[in-house]
Amino acid sequence: TPVRTSARQDPLYFPPYLRNRESLKMPFDVAKSSGKWTYDSASDNYQQIMEKLGYPAEMVDKMKEVVYPVECSLKGKVMKSKVDFMGKIMENCYTLGEEGEETDPAGKKRKVIYTMEGDKLVSVYPDYDGKGLCTSSSRHFVDDNTVQTDIKVGDLEGWT
């Protein structure tokens, strides 16, 4: 008869109160998000979501064809990003968990809060358009070459 170890001696044992918790996932690897990214696929309502964010339909179509060079780093709670968005360089710096300011490709500044939630990098814009539109996005790695972004804009939800 094989000898069985108690659950407490099993190195893979997690007590019931810790099982299936987001905190057990590896945090979002900010440095791994550096590189050249392209559009792959999106939810059926992606066009509608982007238009609600203020992007014209023609620009949304162009965004699907562009390569986006991205540089990201995280030191402690300070995250820096540099993105080439269709020829416009956006450089931003945030402290995780604190409200900060982000500049978009058109030069518009918005309040944003970035946090890590399990294996996701989450950004929340409490007043995206200056009229009270709350938006959020949650990014996670599907594999080493794929990041999925879940997007919520007001009452619309989708992904890319």
Protein backbone atom coordinates (compact mmCIF):
# COMPACT_ATOMS: atom_id res chain seq x y z
CA THR A 1 0.00 0.00 0.00
CA PRO A 2 1.47 3.41 -0.97
CA VAL A 3 2.10 5.89 1.79
CA ARG A 4 0.01 9.02 1.43
CA THR A 5 1.05 12.37 2.76
CA SER A 6 -1.39 14.62 4.46
CA ALA A 7 -2.61 17.60 2.48
CA ARG A 8 -0.59 19.93 4.69
CA GLN A 9 2.65 18.13 3.72
CA ASP A 10 1.85 18.20 -0.01
CA PRO A 11 3.86 21.09 -1.60
CA LEU A 12 1.04 21.62 -4.14
CA TYR A 13 -1.68 21.82 -1.48
CA PHE A 14 -3.56 25.09 -1.09
CA PRO A 15 -6.05 25.39 1.76
CA PRO A 16 -9.67 25.81 0.60
CA TYR A 17 -9.71 29.54 1.35
CA LEU A 18 -6.82 30.09 -1.12
CA ARG A 19 -8.01 27.91 -3.99
CA ASN A 20 -8.96 29.55 -7.31
CA ARG A 21 -8.00 33.04 -6.19
CA GLU A 22 -6.73 35.72 -8.56
CA SER A 23 -3.84 36.34 -6.15
CA LEU A 24 -2.35 32.94 -7.04
CA LYS A 25 -1.78 34.00 -10.65
CA MET A 26 1.50 35.51 -11.74
CA PRO A 27 1.30 39.30 -12.07
CA PHE A 28 1.12 40.90 -15.50
CA ASP A 29 4.67 41.00 -16.91
CA VAL A 30 4.99 44.66 -17.95
CA ALA A 31 8.46 44.19 -19.50
CA LYS A 32 7.16 41.33 -21.67
CA SER A 33 4.67 43.75 -23.25
CA SER A 34 7.58 45.63 -24.88
CA GLY A 35 7.90 44.84 -28.58
CA LYS A 36 6.00 45.31 -31.83
CA TRP A 37 2.28 44.58 -31.65
CA THR A 38 -0.37 44.21 -34.35
CA TYR A 39 -4.13 43.93 -34.32
CA ASP A 40 -5.37 40.35 -34.58
CA SER A 41 -9.09 40.10 -33.82
CA ALA A 42 -11.79 41.72 -31.74
CA SER A 43 -15.35 41.40 -30.50
CA ASP A 44 -18.14 42.10 -32.99
CA ASN A 45 -18.88 45.47 -31.34
CA TYR A 46 -15.26 46.72 -31.41
CA GLN A 47 -16.03 49.39 -34.04
CA GLN A 48 -18.93 50.69 -31.94
CA ILE A 49 -16.75 50.77 -28.81
CA MET A 50 -13.97 52.71 -30.56
CA GLU A 51 -16.47 55.19 -32.03
CA LYS A 52 -17.92 55.74 -28.53
CA LEU A 53 -14.35 56.57 -27.45
CA GLY A 54 -14.27 59.22 -30.18
CA TYR A 55 -12.27 57.46 -32.92
CA PRO A 56 -13.68 57.98 -36.45
CA ALA A 57 -14.53 54.79 -38.38
CA GLU A 58 -11.72 55.41 -40.92
CA MET A 59 -9.14 55.63 -38.13
CA VAL A 60 -10.40 52.39 -36.53
CA ASP A 61 -9.91 50.61 -39.87
CA LYS A 62 -6.35 51.99 -40.15
CA MET A 63 -5.59 50.98 -36.55
CA LYS A 64 -6.19 47.35 -37.54
CA GLU A 65 -3.36 47.49 -40.13
CA VAL A 66 -0.60 49.23 -38.16
CA VAL A 67 2.37 47.81 -36.21
CA TYR A 68 2.67 49.43 -32.77
CA PRO A 69 6.17 49.62 -31.25
CA VAL A 70 5.82 49.57 -27.45
CA GLU A 71 8.37 50.02 -24.65
CA CYS A 72 7.24 49.37 -21.07
CA SER A 73 9.01 49.06 -17.76
CA LEU A 74 8.06 48.65 -14.13
CA LYS A 75 10.30 49.55 -11.20
CA GLY A 76 8.58 49.09 -7.87
CA LYS A 77 5.16 50.68 -8.40
CA VAL A 78 6.29 53.08 -11.16
CA MET A 79 5.34 52.03 -14.69
CA LYS A 80 6.64 53.83 -17.77
CA SER A 81 5.34 53.36 -21.29
CA LYS A 82 6.29 54.64 -24.70
CA VAL A 83 4.01 53.80 -27.63
CA ASP A 84 4.31 54.78 -31.29
CA PHE A 85 0.65 55.19 -32.23
CA MET A 86 0.43 55.71 -35.98
CA GLY A 87 3.44 58.04 -36.01
CA LYS A 88 2.66 59.86 -32.76
CA ILE A 89 4.83 59.03 -29.77
CA MET A 90 3.03 58.79 -26.43
CA GLU A 91 5.23 58.66 -23.34
CA ASN A 92 3.56 58.27 -19.97
CA CYS A 93 4.55 57.44 -16.40
CA TYR A 94 2.20 56.09 -13.73
CA THR A 95 2.33 54.96 -10.13
CA LEU A 96 0.28 51.79 -9.75
CA GLY A 97 -2.79 52.30 -7.59
CA GLU A 98 -2.68 56.10 -7.79
CA GLU A 99 -4.52 58.48 -10.06
CA GLY A 100 -2.27 59.82 -12.76
CA GLU A 101 -2.49 61.58 -16.08
CA GLU A 102 -2.16 60.05 -19.53
CA THR A 103 -1.70 61.85 -22.84
CA ASP A 104 -3.35 60.29 -25.90
CA PRO A 105 -2.15 60.56 -29.54
CA ALA A 106 -4.17 63.74 -30.07
CA GLY A 107 -2.47 65.38 -27.07
CA LYS A 108 -5.56 65.16 -24.83
CA LYS A 109 -4.81 64.51 -21.17
CA ARG A 110 -6.99 62.17 -19.12
CA LYS A 111 -7.04 61.00 -15.50
CA VAL A 112 -6.32 57.27 -15.18
CA ILE A 113 -5.60 54.71 -12.48
CA TYR A 114 -3.50 51.64 -13.33
CA THR A 115 -3.53 48.59 -11.06
CA MET A 116 -2.40 44.96 -11.15
CA GLU A 117 -5.23 42.52 -10.49
CA GLY A 118 -3.88 38.97 -10.51
CA ASP A 119 -2.44 38.41 -13.99
CA LYS A 120 -4.12 41.52 -15.42
CA LEU A 121 -2.98 45.10 -15.93
CA VAL A 122 -6.10 47.23 -15.45
CA SER A 123 -6.61 50.88 -16.36
CA VAL A 124 -9.67 52.88 -15.29
CA TYR A 125 -10.58 56.27 -16.72
CA PRO A 126 -13.25 57.72 -14.39
CA ASP A 127 -14.15 60.56 -16.82
CA TYR A 128 -12.80 59.63 -20.26
CA ASP A 129 -14.63 62.28 -22.29
CA GLY A 130 -15.03 65.06 -19.73
CA LYS A 131 -18.76 64.28 -19.61
CA GLY A 132 -18.65 61.43 -17.07
CA LEU A 133 -18.01 58.46 -19.41
CA CYS A 134 -16.25 55.80 -17.32
CA THR A 135 -14.06 53.38 -19.26
CA SER A 136 -11.74 50.57 -18.29
CA SER A 137 -9.46 48.06 -19.95
CA SER A 138 -7.95 44.89 -18.58
CA ARG A 139 -4.95 43.32 -20.35
CA HIS A 140 -3.63 39.80 -19.89
CA PHE A 141 -1.29 37.50 -21.78
CA VAL A 142 -3.05 34.64 -23.56
CA ASP A 143 0.39 33.31 -24.54
CA ASP A 144 3.87 34.84 -25.06
CA ASN A 145 2.79 36.52 -28.31
CA THR A 146 -0.81 37.48 -27.56
CA VAL A 147 -2.29 40.08 -25.23
CA GLN A 148 -6.05 40.23 -24.89
CA THR A 149 -7.58 43.51 -23.82
CA ASP A 150 -11.07 43.44 -22.35
CA ILE A 151 -12.69 46.86 -22.77
CA LYS A 152 -15.66 48.46 -21.03
CA VAL A 153 -16.91 51.82 -22.29
CA GLY A 154 -20.04 52.94 -20.46
CA ASP A 155 -22.52 50.12 -21.05
CA LEU A 156 -20.54 48.52 -23.92
CA GLU A 157 -18.15 45.62 -23.32
CA GLY A 158 -15.81 43.99 -25.82
CA TRP A 159 -12.27 42.77 -26.41
CA THR A 160 -9.35 42.98 -28.75
